[in-house]
Amino acid sequence: MPIEHINPDGMYKSPVFSQGIILPANARLLLIGGQNGVNEKGEIVGKGDVVAQTRQALDNLQMVLSAAGGRLEDLVKTTIIMQQDIDLGAAFGVWMGVWGQRPNPPTVTGFRVPGLANPDFLIEIEAQAILP
């Protein structure tokens, strides 16, 4: 049974997120922990710059996907957690640029918080993917 993307009539149909997804019973699920704007040395990339941190977090997410044998197209759920005072449009714009014109986007949830684990983190992105 393939993955089924649910975007009912009467609801907004976005090119970068789905309203719901049905997973097959025998799916191989990859849980990707929260990724921040941190490089391989543990240094924050783009301190104070949500666009740079979002790019780095998405690069990190893609490295985890690749290491598990997956691709962006395998994502089924993405959660974007950001500090409450950052520009949501800038952060989401980076996501839209990375996703591009691919069909069948994952579900996306975003929310704002007073702070993340490190006060210099502006964004954290976690995800779930169904691997081939």
N, C-alpha and C. Protein backbone atom coordinates (compact mmCIF):
# COMPACT_ATOMS: atom_id res chain seq x y z
N MET A 1 0.85 -1.19 0.00
CA MET A 1 0.00 0.00 0.00
C MET A 1 0.89 1.24 0.00
N PRO A 2 0.71 2.16 -0.94
CA PRO A 2 1.53 3.37 -1.00
C PRO A 2 1.08 4.41 0.03
N ILE A 3 1.93 5.40 0.22
CA ILE A 3 1.58 6.54 1.05
C ILE A 3 0.47 7.31 0.34
N GLU A 4 -0.54 7.74 1.09
CA GLU A 4 -1.67 8.47 0.50
C GLU A 4 -1.72 9.88 1.09
N HIS A 5 -1.59 10.89 0.22
CA HIS A 5 -1.68 12.29 0.64
C HIS A 5 -3.13 12.74 0.58
N ILE A 6 -3.61 13.34 1.66
CA ILE A 6 -5.00 13.76 1.78
C ILE A 6 -5.08 15.29 1.74
N ASN A 7 -5.71 15.81 0.72
CA ASN A 7 -5.94 17.25 0.55
C ASN A 7 -7.37 17.43 0.06
N PRO A 8 -8.34 17.38 0.99
CA PRO A 8 -9.75 17.36 0.62
C PRO A 8 -10.20 18.63 -0.10
N ASP A 9 -11.19 18.45 -0.97
CA ASP A 9 -11.84 19.60 -1.58
C ASP A 9 -12.43 20.45 -0.46
N GLY A 10 -12.43 21.76 -0.66
CA GLY A 10 -12.95 22.67 0.35
C GLY A 10 -11.89 23.13 1.34
N MET A 11 -10.65 22.61 1.19
CA MET A 11 -9.54 23.03 2.04
C MET A 11 -8.44 23.61 1.17
N TYR A 12 -7.62 24.46 1.76
CA TYR A 12 -6.49 25.06 1.06
C TYR A 12 -5.53 23.97 0.59
N LYS A 13 -5.13 24.04 -0.66
CA LYS A 13 -4.18 23.09 -1.23
C LYS A 13 -2.85 23.82 -1.47
N SER A 14 -1.88 23.52 -0.63
CA SER A 14 -0.58 24.18 -0.69
C SER A 14 0.43 23.34 -1.46
N PRO A 15 1.34 23.98 -2.17
CA PRO A 15 2.39 23.21 -2.85
C PRO A 15 3.48 22.74 -1.91
N VAL A 16 3.50 23.22 -0.64
CA VAL A 16 4.60 22.86 0.26
C VAL A 16 4.16 22.14 1.53
N PHE A 17 2.88 21.83 1.68
CA PHE A 17 2.44 20.96 2.77
C PHE A 17 1.13 20.29 2.42
N SER A 18 0.93 19.11 2.98
CA SER A 18 -0.31 18.35 2.80
C SER A 18 -1.16 18.48 4.04
N GLN A 19 -2.47 18.33 3.90
CA GLN A 19 -3.38 18.41 5.05
C GLN A 19 -3.32 17.13 5.89
N GLY A 20 -3.09 15.99 5.27
CA GLY A 20 -2.99 14.73 5.99
C GLY A 20 -2.29 13.69 5.13
N ILE A 21 -1.81 12.64 5.79
CA ILE A 21 -1.13 11.57 5.08
C ILE A 21 -1.47 10.25 5.76
N ILE A 22 -1.80 9.25 4.94
CA ILE A 22 -2.04 7.90 5.45
C ILE A 22 -0.81 7.06 5.12
N LEU A 23 -0.25 6.42 6.17
CA LEU A 23 0.95 5.60 6.00
C LEU A 23 0.57 4.14 5.85
N PRO A 24 1.31 3.40 5.05
CA PRO A 24 1.04 1.96 4.94
C PRO A 24 1.42 1.25 6.24
N ALA A 25 0.75 0.15 6.52
CA ALA A 25 0.94 -0.58 7.77
C ALA A 25 2.37 -1.08 7.95
N ASN A 26 3.05 -1.42 6.88
CA ASN A 26 4.40 -1.99 6.99
C ASN A 26 5.50 -0.95 6.75
N ALA A 27 5.20 0.32 6.98
CA ALA A 27 6.13 1.40 6.68
C ALA A 27 7.37 1.35 7.58
N ARG A 28 8.51 1.70 7.01
CA ARG A 28 9.77 1.85 7.75
C ARG A 28 9.89 3.33 8.09
N LEU A 29 9.68 3.67 9.36
CA LEU A 29 9.58 5.06 9.80
C LEU A 29 10.92 5.56 10.34
N LEU A 30 11.37 6.70 9.85
CA LEU A 30 12.57 7.38 10.35
C LEU A 30 12.11 8.60 11.14
N LEU A 31 12.49 8.67 12.41
CA LEU A 31 12.21 9.84 13.24
C LEU A 31 13.48 10.68 13.28
N ILE A 32 13.37 11.93 12.87
CA ILE A 32 14.53 12.82 12.83
C ILE A 32 14.37 13.83 13.96
N GLY A 33 15.31 13.79 14.89
CA GLY A 33 15.28 14.70 16.03
C GLY A 33 15.43 16.14 15.59
N GLY A 34 15.10 17.05 16.49
CA GLY A 34 15.16 18.47 16.20
C GLY A 34 16.53 18.91 15.70
N GLN A 35 16.55 19.51 14.53
CA GLN A 35 17.78 20.00 13.92
C GLN A 35 17.83 21.52 14.04
N ASN A 36 19.00 22.02 14.47
CA ASN A 36 19.21 23.45 14.63
C ASN A 36 20.24 23.93 13.62
N GLY A 37 20.54 25.20 13.67
CA GLY A 37 21.54 25.80 12.79
C GLY A 37 22.94 25.58 13.34
N VAL A 38 23.34 24.32 13.50
CA VAL A 38 24.64 23.96 14.06
C VAL A 38 25.42 23.17 13.03
N ASN A 39 26.70 23.53 12.86
CA ASN A 39 27.53 22.80 11.90
C ASN A 39 28.16 21.58 12.54
N GLU A 40 29.00 20.88 11.78
CA GLU A 40 29.60 19.63 12.26
C GLU A 40 30.53 19.82 13.45
N LYS A 41 30.97 21.05 13.70
CA LYS A 41 31.82 21.34 14.86
C LYS A 41 31.01 21.76 16.08
N GLY A 42 29.67 21.79 15.93
CA GLY A 42 28.82 22.23 17.03
C GLY A 42 28.68 23.73 17.13
N GLU A 43 29.15 24.46 16.12
CA GLU A 43 29.08 25.91 16.11
C GLU A 43 27.76 26.37 15.49
N ILE A 44 27.19 27.42 16.06
CA ILE A 44 25.96 27.97 15.51
C ILE A 44 26.29 28.72 14.23
N VAL A 45 25.58 28.38 13.17
CA VAL A 45 25.74 29.04 11.88
C VAL A 45 24.71 30.16 11.82
N GLY A 46 25.15 31.38 11.55
CA GLY A 46 24.21 32.49 11.39
C GLY A 46 23.60 32.96 12.70
N LYS A 47 24.41 33.17 13.71
CA LYS A 47 23.89 33.66 14.98
C LYS A 47 23.08 34.95 14.74
N GLY A 48 21.82 34.93 15.16
CA GLY A 48 20.93 36.07 14.97
C GLY A 48 20.26 36.12 13.60
N ASP A 49 20.53 35.15 12.73
CA ASP A 49 20.02 35.16 11.35
C ASP A 49 19.16 33.92 11.12
N VAL A 50 17.84 34.11 11.14
CA VAL A 50 16.93 32.96 11.03
C VAL A 50 17.03 32.28 9.67
N VAL A 51 17.31 33.01 8.62
CA VAL A 51 17.44 32.38 7.30
C VAL A 51 18.65 31.45 7.28
N ALA A 52 19.79 31.91 7.77
CA ALA A 52 21.00 31.07 7.79
C ALA A 52 20.80 29.86 8.70
N GLN A 53 20.17 30.06 9.85
CA GLN A 53 19.95 28.93 10.76
C GLN A 53 18.96 27.92 10.17
N THR A 54 17.95 28.42 9.48
CA THR A 54 16.98 27.51 8.86
C THR A 54 17.65 26.70 7.76
N ARG A 55 18.46 27.35 6.95
CA ARG A 55 19.19 26.62 5.90
C ARG A 55 20.05 25.52 6.50
N GLN A 56 20.78 25.85 7.57
CA GLN A 56 21.66 24.86 8.19
C GLN A 56 20.84 23.72 8.80
N ALA A 57 19.75 24.06 9.47
CA ALA A 57 18.89 23.03 10.06
C ALA A 57 18.35 22.09 8.98
N LEU A 58 17.94 22.65 7.84
CA LEU A 58 17.43 21.82 6.74
C LEU A 58 18.54 21.00 6.10
N ASP A 59 19.75 21.57 6.02
CA ASP A 59 20.89 20.78 5.52
C ASP A 59 21.15 19.60 6.45
N ASN A 60 21.11 19.85 7.76
CA ASN A 60 21.32 18.78 8.73
C ASN A 60 20.24 17.70 8.59
N LEU A 61 19.00 18.15 8.45
CA LEU A 61 17.88 17.22 8.30
C LEU A 61 18.10 16.33 7.06
N GLN A 62 18.53 16.95 5.96
CA GLN A 62 18.76 16.19 4.74
C GLN A 62 19.92 15.22 4.89
N MET A 63 20.93 15.56 5.71
CA MET A 63 22.04 14.64 5.95
C MET A 63 21.56 13.41 6.71
N VAL A 64 20.67 13.60 7.69
CA VAL A 64 20.12 12.46 8.42
C VAL A 64 19.29 11.59 7.46
N LEU A 65 18.45 12.24 6.66
CA LEU A 65 17.66 11.50 5.67
C LEU A 65 18.56 10.65 4.76
N SER A 66 19.58 11.28 4.22
CA SER A 66 20.49 10.60 3.30
C SER A 66 21.20 9.44 3.98
N ALA A 67 21.65 9.64 5.21
CA ALA A 67 22.36 8.58 5.94
C ALA A 67 21.47 7.37 6.16
N ALA A 68 20.16 7.60 6.22
CA ALA A 68 19.20 6.50 6.41
C ALA A 68 18.69 5.93 5.08
N GLY A 69 19.18 6.48 3.97
CA GLY A 69 18.74 6.00 2.66
C GLY A 69 17.50 6.70 2.14
N GLY A 70 17.18 7.88 2.70
CA GLY A 70 15.98 8.59 2.29
C GLY A 70 16.28 9.87 1.52
N ARG A 71 15.19 10.50 1.06
CA ARG A 71 15.25 11.76 0.32
C ARG A 71 14.17 12.68 0.88
N LEU A 72 14.22 13.94 0.49
CA LEU A 72 13.18 14.89 0.94
C LEU A 72 11.78 14.38 0.61
N GLU A 73 11.64 13.74 -0.53
CA GLU A 73 10.33 13.24 -0.96
C GLU A 73 9.77 12.18 -0.01
N ASP A 74 10.60 11.63 0.85
CA ASP A 74 10.16 10.61 1.80
C ASP A 74 9.60 11.21 3.09
N LEU A 75 9.73 12.53 3.28
CA LEU A 75 9.18 13.16 4.47
C LEU A 75 7.66 13.07 4.48
N VAL A 76 7.09 12.77 5.64
CA VAL A 76 5.64 12.75 5.79
C VAL A 76 5.16 13.74 6.86
N LYS A 77 6.05 14.16 7.75
CA LYS A 77 5.68 15.09 8.81
C LYS A 77 6.88 15.95 9.16
N THR A 78 6.69 17.25 9.21
CA THR A 78 7.73 18.19 9.59
C THR A 78 7.16 19.14 10.64
N THR A 79 7.93 19.36 11.69
CA THR A 79 7.54 20.32 12.72
C THR A 79 8.62 21.39 12.79
N ILE A 80 8.18 22.64 12.68
CA ILE A 80 9.09 23.78 12.73
C ILE A 80 8.80 24.55 14.02
N ILE A 81 9.80 24.59 14.88
CA ILE A 81 9.68 25.27 16.17
C ILE A 81 10.60 26.49 16.11
N MET A 82 10.06 27.66 16.42
CA MET A 82 10.87 28.87 16.30
C MET A 82 10.66 29.79 17.50
N GLN A 83 11.66 30.59 17.77
CA GLN A 83 11.50 31.59 18.82
C GLN A 83 10.37 32.52 18.42
N GLN A 84 9.64 32.97 19.42
CA GLN A 84 8.40 33.71 19.16
C GLN A 84 8.57 35.02 18.42
N ASP A 85 9.75 35.61 18.44
CA ASP A 85 9.91 36.93 17.82
C ASP A 85 10.58 36.90 16.44
N ILE A 86 10.79 35.71 15.87
CA ILE A 86 11.43 35.68 14.56
C ILE A 86 10.41 35.81 13.44
N ASP A 87 10.90 36.10 12.26
CA ASP A 87 10.06 36.28 11.08
C ASP A 87 9.68 34.92 10.49
N LEU A 88 8.44 34.52 10.72
CA LEU A 88 7.94 33.23 10.22
C LEU A 88 8.07 33.15 8.71
N GLY A 89 7.77 34.23 8.03
CA GLY A 89 7.83 34.24 6.56
C GLY A 89 9.23 33.93 6.04
N ALA A 90 10.25 34.48 6.69
CA ALA A 90 11.62 34.23 6.25
C ALA A 90 11.99 32.77 6.44
N ALA A 91 11.65 32.21 7.61
CA ALA A 91 11.96 30.81 7.89
C ALA A 91 11.19 29.89 6.96
N PHE A 92 9.90 30.14 6.79
CA PHE A 92 9.09 29.28 5.93
C PHE A 92 9.51 29.43 4.48
N GLY A 93 9.98 30.61 4.10
CA GLY A 93 10.47 30.83 2.75
C GLY A 93 11.65 29.92 2.41
N VAL A 94 12.52 29.69 3.40
CA VAL A 94 13.65 28.79 3.18
C VAL A 94 13.12 27.37 2.94
N TRP A 95 12.15 26.95 3.77
CA TRP A 95 11.54 25.62 3.59
C TRP A 95 10.94 25.50 2.20
N MET A 96 10.20 26.52 1.77
CA MET A 96 9.57 26.48 0.45
C MET A 96 10.62 26.37 -0.65
N GLY A 97 11.74 27.07 -0.49
CA GLY A 97 12.80 27.00 -1.48
C GLY A 97 13.46 25.63 -1.54
N VAL A 98 13.63 24.99 -0.38
CA VAL A 98 14.22 23.65 -0.35
C VAL A 98 13.26 22.63 -0.94
N TRP A 99 11.97 22.73 -0.58
CA TRP A 99 11.00 21.76 -1.11
C TRP A 99 10.84 21.95 -2.61
N GLY A 100 10.79 23.18 -3.07
CA GLY A 100 10.69 23.46 -4.50
C GLY A 100 9.36 23.01 -5.08
N GLN A 101 9.42 22.40 -6.26
CA GLN A 101 8.23 21.99 -7.01
C GLN A 101 7.91 20.51 -6.85
N ARG A 102 8.49 19.87 -5.85
CA ARG A 102 8.20 18.45 -5.65
C ARG A 102 6.71 18.25 -5.38
N PRO A 103 6.14 17.16 -5.85
CA PRO A 103 4.74 16.87 -5.52
C PRO A 103 4.64 16.23 -4.14
N ASN A 104 3.45 16.12 -3.62
CA ASN A 104 3.16 15.39 -2.38
C ASN A 104 4.01 15.83 -1.19
N PRO A 105 3.88 17.09 -0.78
CA PRO A 105 4.67 17.55 0.36
C PRO A 105 4.20 16.90 1.67
N PRO A 106 5.07 16.95 2.69
CA PRO A 106 4.68 16.40 3.99
C PRO A 106 3.67 17.31 4.68
N THR A 107 3.12 16.82 5.78
CA THR A 107 2.36 17.72 6.64
C THR A 107 3.38 18.61 7.34
N VAL A 108 3.00 19.84 7.65
CA VAL A 108 3.91 20.78 8.32
C VAL A 108 3.16 21.45 9.46
N THR A 109 3.77 21.45 10.62
CA THR A 109 3.24 22.16 11.78
C THR A 109 4.32 23.13 12.25
N GLY A 110 3.92 24.34 12.52
CA GLY A 110 4.86 25.32 13.03
C GLY A 110 4.31 25.97 14.28
N PHE A 111 5.18 26.24 15.22
CA PHE A 111 4.75 27.00 16.39
C PHE A 111 5.90 27.80 16.97
N ARG A 112 5.52 28.82 17.72
CA ARG A 112 6.47 29.74 18.33
C ARG A 112 6.60 29.44 19.82
N VAL A 113 7.82 29.56 20.32
CA VAL A 113 8.09 29.32 21.73
C VAL A 113 8.92 30.48 22.28
N PRO A 114 8.92 30.66 23.61
CA PRO A 114 9.73 31.73 24.20
C PRO A 114 11.23 31.51 24.03
N GLY A 115 11.66 30.27 23.91
CA GLY A 115 13.08 30.00 23.73
C GLY A 115 13.31 28.53 23.43
N LEU A 116 14.49 28.23 22.90
CA LEU A 116 14.88 26.86 22.60
C LEU A 116 16.02 26.45 23.54
N ALA A 117 16.56 25.27 23.37
CA ALA A 117 17.55 24.72 24.30
C ALA A 117 18.76 25.64 24.48
N ASN A 118 19.20 26.28 23.43
CA ASN A 118 20.29 27.25 23.49
C ASN A 118 19.68 28.62 23.16
N PRO A 119 19.94 29.64 23.95
CA PRO A 119 19.32 30.94 23.67
C PRO A 119 19.67 31.53 22.31
N ASP A 120 20.74 31.04 21.68
CA ASP A 120 21.11 31.53 20.34
C ASP A 120 20.42 30.77 19.22
N PHE A 121 19.73 29.67 19.54
CA PHE A 121 18.97 28.95 18.52
C PHE A 121 17.70 29.74 18.22
N LEU A 122 17.44 29.98 16.93
CA LEU A 122 16.23 30.68 16.51
C LEU A 122 15.17 29.72 16.00
N ILE A 123 15.61 28.54 15.56
CA ILE A 123 14.69 27.59 14.94
C ILE A 123 15.16 26.16 15.19
N GLU A 124 14.21 25.25 15.23
CA GLU A 124 14.50 23.82 15.34
C GLU A 124 13.49 23.10 14.45
N ILE A 125 13.96 22.14 13.69
CA ILE A 125 13.10 21.42 12.76
C ILE A 125 13.25 19.92 13.00
N GLU A 126 12.13 19.27 13.27
CA GLU A 126 12.12 17.81 13.41
C GLU A 126 11.24 17.25 12.31
N ALA A 127 11.42 15.97 12.03
CA ALA A 127 10.67 15.40 10.91
C ALA A 127 10.51 13.89 11.06
N GLN A 128 9.60 13.37 10.27
CA GLN A 128 9.38 11.94 10.16
C GLN A 128 9.34 11.61 8.67
N ALA A 129 9.96 10.49 8.34
CA ALA A 129 10.00 10.06 6.93
C ALA A 129 9.70 8.57 6.84
N ILE A 130 9.09 8.19 5.75
CA ILE A 130 8.88 6.78 5.43
C ILE A 130 9.96 6.41 4.41
N LEU A 131 10.81 5.46 4.81
CA LEU A 131 11.94 5.10 3.96
C LEU A 131 11.56 4.01 2.97
N PRO A 132 12.22 4.03 1.80
CA PRO A 132 11.95 3.00 0.79
C PRO A 132 12.42 1.63 1.26
